[in-house]
Amino acid sequence: MRGISNRSLVAGAMVVLTGLVAGCGGSGYGSGSKPTTTRSTTGAPKTVQASARFSAANVSGVGTVLVDGKGRTVYILTKDGKTNVPCDDASGCTASWPDLPLKDGVMAAKAGQGVTASLLGTKKLSDGETYPTYNGWLMYEYAGDSGSGQANGQGIKSFGGTWYVLSPSGTPVKKSSSSGGYHYP
């Protein structure tokens, strides 16, 4: 075609790509109590918690455990009893195990039904964000759980430790070697 230069084709392609990127710009859920996903400076997804309320719920296969404000099971990463094994954007950990930073201006998480308010706390990390803790444990969701009532991340070994759900008493729920069931240590 006469009159269309390579420069025009490149400019047109850039406009189309910009539109596609903008249209796909977040894998978040939008408004309400669901999270919005943003990208950190490393390009890894970072979940921004819309609700900082935690409660206890019965989850199939693990019993009564902590869930976040969306009803999603929360997990902790443990190794040798340490409560804050690193799981961050730089290691890629938060791509599979999204963290739950408090929204700007929110200073504390709220205790819902079945949660002991005195076990809720916060921890400010080197990324400058403040995260909720329960009995000292930093809490995460699991990308392999598609909604509430699931605990597909239970017992997974990755990122230098083992992932467990938390009991309302603030202890990891671990599989019992003798009974095959879960117990609260």
Protein backbone atom coordinates (compact mmCIF):
# COMPACT_ATOMS: atom_id res chain seq x y z
CA MET A 1 0.00 0.00 0.00
CA ARG A 2 1.26 3.38 -0.89
CA GLY A 3 1.34 6.09 1.75
CA ILE A 4 1.88 3.85 4.77
CA SER A 5 5.45 3.98 6.04
CA ASN A 6 7.22 1.53 8.30
CA ARG A 7 7.16 4.24 10.97
CA SER A 8 3.35 4.36 10.75
CA LEU A 9 3.13 0.58 11.06
CA VAL A 10 5.41 0.58 14.12
CA ALA A 11 3.43 3.41 15.73
CA GLY A 12 0.17 1.56 15.09
CA ALA A 13 1.57 -1.64 16.57
CA MET A 14 2.69 0.27 19.67
CA VAL A 15 -0.82 1.68 20.14
CA VAL A 16 -2.34 -1.81 19.87
CA LEU A 17 0.20 -3.30 22.31
CA THR A 18 -0.31 -0.46 24.76
CA GLY A 19 -4.05 -1.07 24.65
CA LEU A 20 -3.59 -4.80 25.21
CA VAL A 21 -1.28 -4.25 28.15
CA ALA A 22 -3.66 -1.70 29.68
CA GLY A 23 -6.59 -4.06 29.19
CA CYS A 24 -4.73 -6.89 30.91
CA GLY A 25 -3.12 -4.58 33.45
CA GLY A 26 -4.26 -6.27 36.60
CA SER A 27 -5.18 -9.73 37.52
CA GLY A 28 -7.15 -8.25 40.38
CA TYR A 29 -10.80 -8.78 41.06
CA GLY A 30 -11.92 -5.17 40.98
CA SER A 31 -13.77 -3.53 43.85
CA GLY A 32 -15.36 -4.85 46.99
CA SER A 33 -13.67 -7.08 49.53
CA LYS A 34 -11.58 -8.95 46.96
CA PRO A 35 -7.89 -8.24 46.40
CA THR A 36 -6.37 -6.10 43.70
CA THR A 37 -3.14 -7.38 42.21
CA THR A 38 -0.39 -4.96 41.32
CA ARG A 39 3.15 -5.50 40.12
CA SER A 40 6.15 -4.78 42.27
CA THR A 41 9.31 -3.25 40.88
CA THR A 42 10.58 -6.80 40.25
CA GLY A 43 7.51 -7.61 38.12
CA ALA A 44 6.17 -10.21 40.57
CA PRO A 45 2.48 -10.01 41.48
CA LYS A 46 1.67 -8.48 44.84
CA THR A 47 -1.75 -8.89 46.38
CA VAL A 48 -3.20 -5.88 48.13
CA GLN A 49 -5.64 -7.00 50.78
CA ALA A 50 -8.99 -5.25 50.59
CA SER A 51 -10.12 -6.58 53.95
CA ALA A 52 -7.89 -7.19 56.95
CA ARG A 53 -10.40 -9.30 58.87
CA PHE A 54 -9.47 -12.82 59.86
CA SER A 55 -11.79 -15.46 61.25
CA ALA A 56 -11.96 -19.20 61.81
CA ALA A 57 -13.77 -21.52 59.42
CA ASN A 58 -14.12 -25.24 58.88
CA VAL A 59 -12.09 -26.19 55.80
CA SER A 60 -12.43 -29.67 54.34
CA GLY A 61 -9.45 -31.89 55.10
CA VAL A 62 -7.85 -29.64 57.74
CA GLY A 63 -10.62 -28.72 60.18
CA THR A 64 -11.20 -25.30 61.74
CA VAL A 65 -8.46 -22.94 60.57
CA LEU A 66 -7.82 -19.24 59.95
CA VAL A 67 -9.27 -17.62 56.84
CA ASP A 68 -8.94 -14.09 55.55
CA GLY A 69 -11.67 -11.54 54.86
CA LYS A 70 -12.58 -13.29 51.60
CA GLY A 71 -12.92 -16.66 53.30
CA ARG A 72 -9.70 -17.95 51.75
CA THR A 73 -7.49 -20.21 53.82
CA VAL A 74 -4.30 -18.57 55.07
CA TYR A 75 -0.95 -20.33 55.32
CA ILE A 76 2.34 -19.87 57.10
CA LEU A 77 5.82 -20.90 55.97
CA THR A 78 7.79 -22.70 58.65
CA LYS A 79 11.25 -24.15 58.93
CA ASP A 80 12.66 -25.36 62.23
CA GLY A 81 9.96 -23.49 64.16
CA LYS A 82 10.90 -20.06 62.76
CA THR A 83 7.86 -17.84 62.38
CA ASN A 84 9.07 -15.64 59.56
CA VAL A 85 10.85 -17.67 56.90
CA PRO A 86 11.36 -15.25 53.98
CA CYS A 87 8.70 -15.32 51.26
CA ASP A 88 9.08 -12.26 49.08
CA ASP A 89 8.76 -10.87 45.58
CA ALA A 90 12.50 -11.16 44.87
CA SER A 91 12.52 -14.95 45.33
CA GLY A 92 9.31 -15.37 43.31
CA CYS A 93 7.63 -16.87 46.38
CA THR A 94 4.72 -14.42 46.41
CA ALA A 95 3.74 -15.45 42.88
CA SER A 96 2.53 -18.78 44.33
CA TRP A 97 1.97 -17.63 47.90
CA PRO A 98 0.51 -14.08 47.73
CA ASP A 99 1.23 -11.99 50.79
CA LEU A 100 -1.45 -9.99 52.55
CA PRO A 101 -0.22 -6.43 53.15
CA LEU A 102 -2.52 -4.09 55.01
CA LYS A 103 -4.01 -1.30 52.92
CA ASP A 104 -2.46 2.13 53.31
CA GLY A 105 -3.83 3.75 56.43
CA VAL A 106 -4.91 0.44 58.02
CA MET A 107 -2.89 -0.07 61.18
CA ALA A 108 -4.16 -3.46 62.37
CA ALA A 109 -6.04 -6.54 61.31
CA LYS A 110 -9.46 -7.23 62.81
CA ALA A 111 -10.50 -10.39 64.62
CA GLY A 112 -13.60 -12.07 63.30
CA GLN A 113 -15.50 -15.03 64.71
CA GLY A 114 -13.26 -17.67 66.30
CA VAL A 115 -10.08 -15.58 66.22
CA THR A 116 -8.27 -14.43 69.36
CA ALA A 117 -7.74 -10.69 68.92
CA SER A 118 -4.66 -10.66 71.17
CA LEU A 119 -2.89 -13.06 68.74
CA LEU A 120 -3.29 -10.64 65.84
CA GLY A 121 -0.36 -8.33 65.27
CA THR A 122 1.57 -6.61 62.51
CA LYS A 123 5.10 -6.67 61.14
CA LYS A 124 6.66 -4.01 58.92
CA LEU A 125 9.04 -5.58 56.42
CA SER A 126 11.95 -4.19 54.44
CA ASP A 127 9.63 -3.51 51.47
CA GLY A 128 8.05 -0.77 53.62
CA GLU A 129 4.67 -2.47 53.85
CA THR A 130 2.93 -3.63 57.02
CA TYR A 131 1.64 -7.20 57.16
CA PRO A 132 -0.76 -8.89 59.57
CA THR A 133 0.55 -11.68 61.77
CA TYR A 134 -1.17 -14.28 63.90
CA ASN A 135 0.72 -15.53 66.95
CA GLY A 136 3.81 -14.04 65.27
CA TRP A 137 3.34 -15.86 61.95
CA LEU A 138 3.23 -13.89 58.69
CA MET A 139 0.23 -15.10 56.68
CA TYR A 140 -0.19 -15.85 52.98
CA GLU A 141 -2.80 -17.18 50.57
CA TYR A 142 -2.07 -19.98 48.10
CA ALA A 143 -2.54 -19.38 44.36
CA GLY A 144 -3.62 -23.02 44.00
CA ASP A 145 -6.77 -22.34 46.04
CA SER A 146 -9.44 -21.02 43.68
CA GLY A 147 -11.75 -19.87 46.45
CA SER A 148 -12.90 -20.31 50.03
CA GLY A 149 -13.06 -23.70 51.70
CA GLN A 150 -9.89 -25.04 50.08
CA ALA A 151 -6.51 -25.98 51.56
CA ASN A 152 -4.59 -27.20 48.52
CA GLY A 153 -1.36 -25.69 49.87
CA GLN A 154 -1.35 -27.71 53.10
CA GLY A 155 1.97 -29.50 53.66
CA ILE A 156 3.65 -28.28 50.46
CA LYS A 157 7.42 -28.04 50.76
CA SER A 158 8.78 -25.06 48.84
CA PHE A 159 10.83 -21.90 49.25
CA GLY A 160 12.95 -23.35 52.03
CA GLY A 161 10.22 -24.65 54.32
CA THR A 162 6.81 -26.28 54.65
CA TRP A 163 3.47 -24.51 54.28
CA TYR A 164 0.75 -25.13 56.85
CA VAL A 165 -2.64 -23.72 57.73
CA LEU A 166 -3.08 -22.14 61.18
CA SER A 167 -5.35 -23.29 63.96
CA PRO A 168 -7.39 -20.66 65.85
CA SER A 169 -4.92 -21.11 68.72
CA GLY A 170 -2.14 -19.84 66.44
CA THR A 171 -0.27 -23.10 65.89
CA PRO A 172 0.46 -24.77 62.54
CA VAL A 173 -1.85 -27.65 61.67
CA LYS A 174 0.44 -30.56 60.80
CA LYS A 175 -0.31 -34.03 59.52
CA SER A 176 -0.03 -36.65 62.22
CA SER A 177 2.32 -39.47 61.28
CA SER A 178 0.50 -41.98 63.48
CA SER A 179 -3.15 -41.38 62.58
CA GLY A 180 -2.83 -39.96 59.08
CA GLY A 181 -5.07 -37.09 60.22
CA TYR A 182 -4.27 -33.56 61.19
CA HIS A 183 -3.50 -32.39 64.69
CA TYR A 184 -2.73 -29.18 66.48
CA PRO A 185 0.73 -29.49 68.05
